[in-house]
Amino acid sequence: MSPDLINRPAVLSSLREAFDAYEAALLRHDIAFLDACFNDDAATVRYGVSEHGYGIDAIRRYRATAVPVHPGRRLRRVVIQTFGDDFGSACCEFTAPDTAMIGRQTQTWVRIDGRWLIVAAHVSLIDPSAVSAQ
């Protein structure tokens, strides 16, 4: 891929907008919006803190019973990258008052029919003492 196709400002901005909308929906526990952010496909994957979601049906079943995230959840170290016009990733850490652990979230986004959709996601928690200084 040509370097001039990586992190083009307009594409980066549009993916950041989709990422921010997802985060806002997560904080308000808008299940319908969150479900709509994932690609409606059996190959879509979401690895959560305590579950594996293989396929959109499994992801939707999880989301329907998931406890809302703590409203004090805060993002840090957000890194968004795009490659071409229709592919990107979003990685971040998060903290919340209900745990001493550091959360980590990775999402792979693809623009399909003009909409950014998550095709793969991973959420995990790590003890802060296990994080190497960088």
N, C-alpha and C. Protein backbone atom coordinates (compact mmCIF):
# COMPACT_ATOMS: atom_id res chain seq x y z
N MET A 1 0.85 -1.17 0.00
CA MET A 1 0.00 0.00 0.00
C MET A 1 0.89 1.23 0.00
N SER A 2 0.49 2.18 -0.75
CA SER A 2 1.23 3.44 -0.83
C SER A 2 1.08 4.22 0.48
N PRO A 3 2.17 4.76 1.01
CA PRO A 3 2.10 5.51 2.27
C PRO A 3 1.12 6.68 2.26
N ASP A 4 0.86 7.24 1.10
CA ASP A 4 -0.09 8.36 1.05
C ASP A 4 -1.54 7.94 1.25
N LEU A 5 -1.80 6.62 1.31
CA LEU A 5 -3.14 6.12 1.59
C LEU A 5 -3.36 5.79 3.06
N ILE A 6 -2.31 5.96 3.86
CA ILE A 6 -2.39 5.65 5.29
C ILE A 6 -2.71 6.92 6.08
N ASN A 7 -3.72 6.83 6.92
CA ASN A 7 -4.10 7.93 7.82
C ASN A 7 -4.41 9.24 7.10
N ARG A 8 -5.12 9.12 6.00
CA ARG A 8 -5.57 10.33 5.31
C ARG A 8 -6.56 11.06 6.20
N PRO A 9 -6.41 12.36 6.38
CA PRO A 9 -7.21 13.10 7.36
C PRO A 9 -8.72 12.89 7.28
N ALA A 10 -9.30 12.92 6.10
CA ALA A 10 -10.76 12.78 5.98
C ALA A 10 -11.22 11.38 6.40
N VAL A 11 -10.45 10.37 6.05
CA VAL A 11 -10.81 9.00 6.40
C VAL A 11 -10.63 8.79 7.91
N LEU A 12 -9.52 9.28 8.43
CA LEU A 12 -9.26 9.19 9.86
C LEU A 12 -10.36 9.88 10.66
N SER A 13 -10.78 11.03 10.21
CA SER A 13 -11.85 11.78 10.88
C SER A 13 -13.17 11.01 10.87
N SER A 14 -13.49 10.39 9.74
CA SER A 14 -14.77 9.67 9.66
C SER A 14 -14.76 8.42 10.54
N LEU A 15 -13.61 7.74 10.63
CA LEU A 15 -13.54 6.58 11.51
C LEU A 15 -13.57 7.04 12.97
N ARG A 16 -12.92 8.13 13.29
CA ARG A 16 -12.96 8.64 14.68
C ARG A 16 -14.39 8.98 15.07
N GLU A 17 -15.14 9.52 14.14
CA GLU A 17 -16.55 9.84 14.41
C GLU A 17 -17.35 8.56 14.72
N ALA A 18 -17.11 7.51 13.95
CA ALA A 18 -17.80 6.23 14.20
C ALA A 18 -17.38 5.65 15.55
N PHE A 19 -16.09 5.71 15.85
CA PHE A 19 -15.57 5.21 17.12
C PHE A 19 -16.19 5.98 18.29
N ASP A 20 -16.23 7.30 18.19
CA ASP A 20 -16.80 8.12 19.26
C ASP A 20 -18.29 7.85 19.44
N ALA A 21 -19.00 7.62 18.35
CA ALA A 21 -20.43 7.31 18.45
C ALA A 21 -20.64 5.97 19.14
N TYR A 22 -19.77 5.00 18.86
CA TYR A 22 -19.84 3.70 19.53
C TYR A 22 -19.61 3.88 21.02
N GLU A 23 -18.60 4.63 21.39
CA GLU A 23 -18.29 4.84 22.81
C GLU A 23 -19.44 5.53 23.52
N ALA A 24 -20.04 6.53 22.90
CA ALA A 24 -21.19 7.23 23.50
C ALA A 24 -22.35 6.26 23.71
N ALA A 25 -22.59 5.39 22.73
CA ALA A 25 -23.67 4.39 22.86
C ALA A 25 -23.36 3.39 23.96
N LEU A 26 -22.10 3.05 24.11
CA LEU A 26 -21.70 2.13 25.18
C LEU A 26 -22.00 2.75 26.55
N LEU A 27 -21.69 4.01 26.70
CA LEU A 27 -21.92 4.69 27.98
C LEU A 27 -23.41 4.84 28.30
N ARG A 28 -24.24 4.97 27.28
CA ARG A 28 -25.68 5.11 27.54
C ARG A 28 -26.41 3.77 27.44
N HIS A 29 -25.65 2.71 27.20
CA HIS A 29 -26.18 1.34 27.10
C HIS A 29 -27.26 1.23 26.01
N ASP A 30 -26.96 1.79 24.86
CA ASP A 30 -27.87 1.77 23.71
C ASP A 30 -27.60 0.49 22.91
N ILE A 31 -28.26 -0.57 23.31
CA ILE A 31 -28.00 -1.90 22.74
C ILE A 31 -28.25 -1.94 21.23
N ALA A 32 -29.32 -1.33 20.79
CA ALA A 32 -29.64 -1.36 19.35
C ALA A 32 -28.53 -0.68 18.54
N PHE A 33 -28.05 0.45 19.03
CA PHE A 33 -26.99 1.16 18.31
C PHE A 33 -25.70 0.33 18.32
N LEU A 34 -25.36 -0.22 19.47
CA LEU A 34 -24.14 -1.04 19.57
C LEU A 34 -24.20 -2.23 18.63
N ASP A 35 -25.33 -2.92 18.60
CA ASP A 35 -25.49 -4.05 17.68
C ASP A 35 -25.32 -3.61 16.23
N ALA A 36 -25.86 -2.44 15.90
CA ALA A 36 -25.78 -1.95 14.52
C ALA A 36 -24.37 -1.55 14.12
N CYS A 37 -23.48 -1.38 15.09
CA CYS A 37 -22.09 -1.03 14.78
C CYS A 37 -21.28 -2.24 14.32
N PHE A 38 -21.79 -3.45 14.57
CA PHE A 38 -21.08 -4.65 14.17
C PHE A 38 -21.60 -5.14 12.82
N ASN A 39 -20.69 -5.64 12.01
CA ASN A 39 -21.07 -6.19 10.72
C ASN A 39 -22.02 -7.37 10.94
N ASP A 40 -23.13 -7.36 10.25
CA ASP A 40 -24.16 -8.39 10.36
C ASP A 40 -23.73 -9.63 9.58
N ASP A 41 -22.82 -10.41 10.20
CA ASP A 41 -22.23 -11.54 9.50
C ASP A 41 -21.81 -12.61 10.49
N ALA A 42 -21.87 -13.85 10.05
CA ALA A 42 -21.46 -14.97 10.90
C ALA A 42 -19.96 -14.97 11.16
N ALA A 43 -19.18 -14.26 10.36
CA ALA A 43 -17.73 -14.23 10.53
C ALA A 43 -17.27 -13.10 11.46
N THR A 44 -18.17 -12.25 11.91
CA THR A 44 -17.82 -11.17 12.83
C THR A 44 -17.48 -11.78 14.19
N VAL A 45 -16.42 -11.29 14.81
CA VAL A 45 -15.94 -11.85 16.07
C VAL A 45 -15.79 -10.75 17.10
N ARG A 46 -16.21 -11.07 18.34
CA ARG A 46 -15.97 -10.17 19.48
C ARG A 46 -15.52 -11.01 20.65
N TYR A 47 -14.26 -10.83 21.05
CA TYR A 47 -13.75 -11.46 22.26
C TYR A 47 -13.93 -10.48 23.40
N GLY A 48 -14.74 -10.84 24.37
CA GLY A 48 -14.98 -9.97 25.51
C GLY A 48 -14.15 -10.38 26.70
N VAL A 49 -14.35 -9.67 27.79
CA VAL A 49 -13.62 -9.96 29.02
C VAL A 49 -13.92 -11.36 29.52
N SER A 50 -15.17 -11.80 29.36
CA SER A 50 -15.54 -13.11 29.90
C SER A 50 -16.30 -13.98 28.90
N GLU A 51 -16.26 -13.64 27.63
CA GLU A 51 -16.98 -14.45 26.64
C GLU A 51 -16.32 -14.32 25.28
N HIS A 52 -16.65 -15.28 24.42
CA HIS A 52 -16.22 -15.24 23.02
C HIS A 52 -17.48 -15.17 22.17
N GLY A 53 -17.56 -14.19 21.32
CA GLY A 53 -18.71 -14.06 20.43
C GLY A 53 -18.30 -14.35 19.01
N TYR A 54 -18.65 -15.53 18.52
CA TYR A 54 -18.38 -15.89 17.13
C TYR A 54 -19.65 -15.71 16.34
N GLY A 55 -19.69 -14.69 15.52
CA GLY A 55 -20.86 -14.41 14.70
C GLY A 55 -21.75 -13.36 15.34
N ILE A 56 -22.46 -12.65 14.49
CA ILE A 56 -23.29 -11.54 14.96
C ILE A 56 -24.39 -12.01 15.91
N ASP A 57 -24.92 -13.21 15.70
CA ASP A 57 -25.98 -13.69 16.60
C ASP A 57 -25.45 -13.86 18.03
N ALA A 58 -24.26 -14.41 18.18
CA ALA A 58 -23.66 -14.58 19.51
C ALA A 58 -23.36 -13.23 20.13
N ILE A 59 -22.88 -12.29 19.33
CA ILE A 59 -22.58 -10.95 19.84
C ILE A 59 -23.86 -10.28 20.33
N ARG A 60 -24.93 -10.42 19.57
CA ARG A 60 -26.21 -9.82 19.97
C ARG A 60 -26.77 -10.48 21.23
N ARG A 61 -26.62 -11.81 21.35
CA ARG A 61 -27.08 -12.49 22.57
C ARG A 61 -26.33 -11.98 23.78
N TYR A 62 -25.02 -11.82 23.65
CA TYR A 62 -24.23 -11.29 24.75
C TYR A 62 -24.71 -9.88 25.11
N ARG A 63 -24.81 -9.03 24.13
CA ARG A 63 -25.15 -7.63 24.37
C ARG A 63 -26.52 -7.51 25.05
N ALA A 64 -27.45 -8.37 24.71
CA ALA A 64 -28.80 -8.31 25.29
C ALA A 64 -28.79 -8.55 26.79
N THR A 65 -27.77 -9.26 27.30
CA THR A 65 -27.72 -9.57 28.73
C THR A 65 -26.56 -8.88 29.45
N ALA A 66 -25.77 -8.13 28.72
CA ALA A 66 -24.59 -7.50 29.31
C ALA A 66 -24.97 -6.40 30.29
N VAL A 67 -24.23 -6.33 31.36
CA VAL A 67 -24.38 -5.26 32.34
C VAL A 67 -23.82 -3.98 31.71
N PRO A 68 -24.50 -2.86 31.90
CA PRO A 68 -23.96 -1.60 31.35
C PRO A 68 -22.56 -1.30 31.88
N VAL A 69 -21.75 -0.66 31.07
CA VAL A 69 -20.44 -0.24 31.56
C VAL A 69 -20.64 0.88 32.58
N HIS A 70 -19.70 1.02 33.46
CA HIS A 70 -19.78 2.07 34.48
C HIS A 70 -19.79 3.44 33.78
N PRO A 71 -20.69 4.34 34.18
CA PRO A 71 -20.76 5.65 33.51
C PRO A 71 -19.50 6.49 33.71
N GLY A 72 -18.65 6.09 34.65
CA GLY A 72 -17.39 6.81 34.85
C GLY A 72 -16.24 6.27 34.02
N ARG A 73 -16.55 5.37 33.10
CA ARG A 73 -15.52 4.82 32.20
C ARG A 73 -14.86 5.97 31.45
N ARG A 74 -13.54 5.94 31.38
CA ARG A 74 -12.79 6.98 30.67
C ARG A 74 -11.77 6.33 29.75
N LEU A 75 -11.68 6.85 28.54
CA LEU A 75 -10.70 6.35 27.58
C LEU A 75 -9.38 7.06 27.76
N ARG A 76 -8.32 6.35 27.41
CA ARG A 76 -7.00 6.96 27.35
C ARG A 76 -6.20 6.23 26.27
N ARG A 77 -5.20 6.89 25.79
CA ARG A 77 -4.32 6.32 24.77
C ARG A 77 -5.09 5.77 23.57
N VAL A 78 -5.98 6.56 23.02
CA VAL A 78 -6.74 6.14 21.83
C VAL A 78 -5.83 6.27 20.61
N VAL A 79 -5.71 5.18 19.86
CA VAL A 79 -4.90 5.16 18.65
C VAL A 79 -5.79 4.66 17.52
N ILE A 80 -6.04 5.51 16.55
CA ILE A 80 -6.85 5.14 15.40
C ILE A 80 -5.98 5.26 14.16
N GLN A 81 -6.05 4.25 13.31
CA GLN A 81 -5.30 4.23 12.06
C GLN A 81 -6.23 3.83 10.93
N THR A 82 -6.00 4.37 9.76
CA THR A 82 -6.75 3.95 8.59
C THR A 82 -5.79 3.59 7.46
N PHE A 83 -6.27 2.70 6.61
CA PHE A 83 -5.48 2.21 5.49
C PHE A 83 -6.39 2.22 4.28
N GLY A 84 -6.14 3.13 3.36
CA GLY A 84 -7.05 3.32 2.24
C GLY A 84 -8.30 4.04 2.73
N ASP A 85 -9.37 3.91 1.99
CA ASP A 85 -10.61 4.61 2.33
C ASP A 85 -11.55 3.81 3.21
N ASP A 86 -11.34 2.50 3.32
CA ASP A 86 -12.38 1.66 3.90
C ASP A 86 -11.92 0.66 4.96
N PHE A 87 -10.73 0.83 5.51
CA PHE A 87 -10.23 -0.11 6.51
C PHE A 87 -9.49 0.65 7.59
N GLY A 88 -9.72 0.26 8.85
CA GLY A 88 -9.01 0.91 9.93
C GLY A 88 -9.10 0.14 11.23
N SER A 89 -8.34 0.60 12.20
CA SER A 89 -8.37 -0.02 13.52
C SER A 89 -8.44 1.09 14.57
N ALA A 90 -9.02 0.72 15.71
CA ALA A 90 -9.09 1.63 16.85
C ALA A 90 -8.66 0.84 18.08
N CYS A 91 -7.68 1.35 18.79
CA CYS A 91 -7.18 0.71 20.00
C CYS A 91 -7.18 1.76 21.11
N CYS A 92 -7.54 1.32 22.30
CA CYS A 92 -7.50 2.25 23.42
C CYS A 92 -7.38 1.48 24.73
N GLU A 93 -7.05 2.22 25.75
CA GLU A 93 -7.13 1.72 27.12
C GLU A 93 -8.31 2.45 27.75
N PHE A 94 -8.86 1.85 28.80
CA PHE A 94 -9.91 2.54 29.55
C PHE A 94 -9.81 2.22 31.02
N THR A 95 -10.32 3.12 31.80
CA THR A 95 -10.40 2.93 33.25
C THR A 95 -11.84 3.16 33.66
N ALA A 96 -12.19 2.60 34.81
CA ALA A 96 -13.54 2.80 35.36
C ALA A 96 -13.45 2.69 36.88
N PRO A 97 -14.29 3.45 37.58
CA PRO A 97 -14.25 3.45 39.04
C PRO A 97 -14.60 2.11 39.69
N ASP A 98 -15.20 1.20 38.95
CA ASP A 98 -15.62 -0.07 39.55
C ASP A 98 -14.56 -1.17 39.47
N THR A 99 -13.36 -0.83 38.97
CA THR A 99 -12.27 -1.82 38.92
C THR A 99 -10.93 -1.11 38.97
N ALA A 100 -9.96 -1.78 39.57
CA ALA A 100 -8.59 -1.27 39.58
C ALA A 100 -7.83 -1.70 38.32
N MET A 101 -8.44 -2.58 37.55
CA MET A 101 -7.81 -3.09 36.34
C MET A 101 -7.81 -2.02 35.23
N ILE A 102 -6.90 -2.19 34.30
CA ILE A 102 -6.88 -1.34 33.11
C ILE A 102 -7.53 -2.12 31.98
N GLY A 103 -8.50 -1.51 31.34
CA GLY A 103 -9.15 -2.15 30.21
C GLY A 103 -8.42 -1.86 28.92
N ARG A 104 -8.51 -2.80 28.01
CA ARG A 104 -7.93 -2.62 26.67
C ARG A 104 -8.98 -3.02 25.65
N GLN A 105 -9.07 -2.25 24.61
CA GLN A 105 -10.10 -2.48 23.59
C GLN A 105 -9.47 -2.29 22.21
N THR A 106 -9.69 -3.26 21.36
CA THR A 106 -9.22 -3.18 19.98
C THR A 106 -10.40 -3.48 19.06
N GLN A 107 -10.55 -2.67 18.04
CA GLN A 107 -11.62 -2.87 17.06
C GLN A 107 -11.06 -2.76 15.66
N THR A 108 -11.48 -3.65 14.81
CA THR A 108 -11.16 -3.58 13.38
C THR A 108 -12.43 -3.12 12.67
N TRP A 109 -12.32 -2.02 11.96
CA TRP A 109 -13.47 -1.41 11.29
C TRP A 109 -13.28 -1.49 9.77
N VAL A 110 -14.38 -1.74 9.07
CA VAL A 110 -14.39 -1.74 7.61
C VAL A 110 -15.59 -0.91 7.17
N ARG A 111 -15.38 -0.07 6.16
CA ARG A 111 -16.50 0.70 5.63
C ARG A 111 -17.19 -0.15 4.58
N ILE A 112 -18.45 -0.49 4.86
CA ILE A 112 -19.26 -1.33 3.98
C ILE A 112 -20.50 -0.55 3.61
N ASP A 113 -20.75 -0.41 2.32
CA ASP A 113 -21.90 0.36 1.83
C ASP A 113 -21.96 1.75 2.49
N GLY A 114 -20.79 2.36 2.66
CA GLY A 114 -20.73 3.73 3.17
C GLY A 114 -20.76 3.86 4.68
N ARG A 115 -20.87 2.75 5.42
CA ARG A 115 -20.92 2.79 6.90
C ARG A 115 -19.73 2.07 7.50
N TRP A 116 -19.11 2.68 8.50
CA TRP A 116 -18.06 2.00 9.24
C TRP A 116 -18.70 0.94 10.14
N LEU A 117 -18.22 -0.29 10.05
CA LEU A 117 -18.73 -1.40 10.86
C LEU A 117 -17.57 -2.16 11.48
N ILE A 118 -17.77 -2.66 12.68
CA ILE A 118 -16.76 -3.46 13.36
C ILE A 118 -16.87 -4.90 12.84
N VAL A 119 -15.75 -5.44 12.39
CA VAL A 119 -15.72 -6.83 11.93
C VAL A 119 -14.99 -7.73 12.91
N ALA A 120 -14.22 -7.13 13.82
CA ALA A 120 -13.54 -7.89 14.87
C ALA A 120 -13.28 -6.95 16.03
N ALA A 121 -13.44 -7.48 17.25
CA ALA A 121 -13.20 -6.68 18.45
C ALA A 121 -12.65 -7.56 19.55
N HIS A 122 -11.90 -6.92 20.43
CA HIS A 122 -11.32 -7.62 21.57
C HIS A 122 -11.31 -6.67 22.75
N VAL A 123 -11.80 -7.14 23.90
CA VAL A 123 -11.80 -6.36 25.13
C VAL A 123 -11.16 -7.23 26.21
N SER A 124 -10.24 -6.66 26.96
CA SER A 124 -9.61 -7.40 28.04
C SER A 124 -9.25 -6.45 29.17
N LEU A 125 -8.94 -7.04 30.31
CA LEU A 125 -8.51 -6.29 31.49
C LEU A 125 -7.15 -6.80 31.92
N ILE A 126 -6.33 -5.90 32.43
CA ILE A 126 -5.01 -6.28 32.90
C ILE A 126 -4.72 -5.55 34.21
N ASP A 127 -4.02 -6.24 35.09
CA ASP A 127 -3.59 -5.64 36.34
C ASP A 127 -2.56 -4.55 36.02
N PRO A 128 -2.74 -3.35 36.57
CA PRO A 128 -1.79 -2.27 36.27
C PRO A 128 -0.34 -2.61 36.59
N SER A 129 -0.10 -3.46 37.58
CA SER A 129 1.27 -3.82 37.93
C SER A 129 1.91 -4.70 36.86
N ALA A 130 1.11 -5.28 35.98
CA ALA A 130 1.65 -6.13 34.91
C ALA A 130 1.99 -5.35 33.65
N VAL A 131 1.64 -4.07 33.63
CA VAL A 131 1.90 -3.25 32.45
C VAL A 131 3.31 -2.70 32.53
N SER A 132 4.09 -2.96 31.49
CA SER A 132 5.46 -2.44 31.48
C SER A 132 5.45 -0.95 31.17
N ALA A 133 6.36 -0.23 31.77
CA ALA A 133 6.46 1.21 31.54
C ALA A 133 6.98 1.47 30.14
N GLN A 134 6.37 2.45 29.48
CA GLN A 134 6.79 2.77 28.11
C GLN A 134 6.78 4.25 27.88
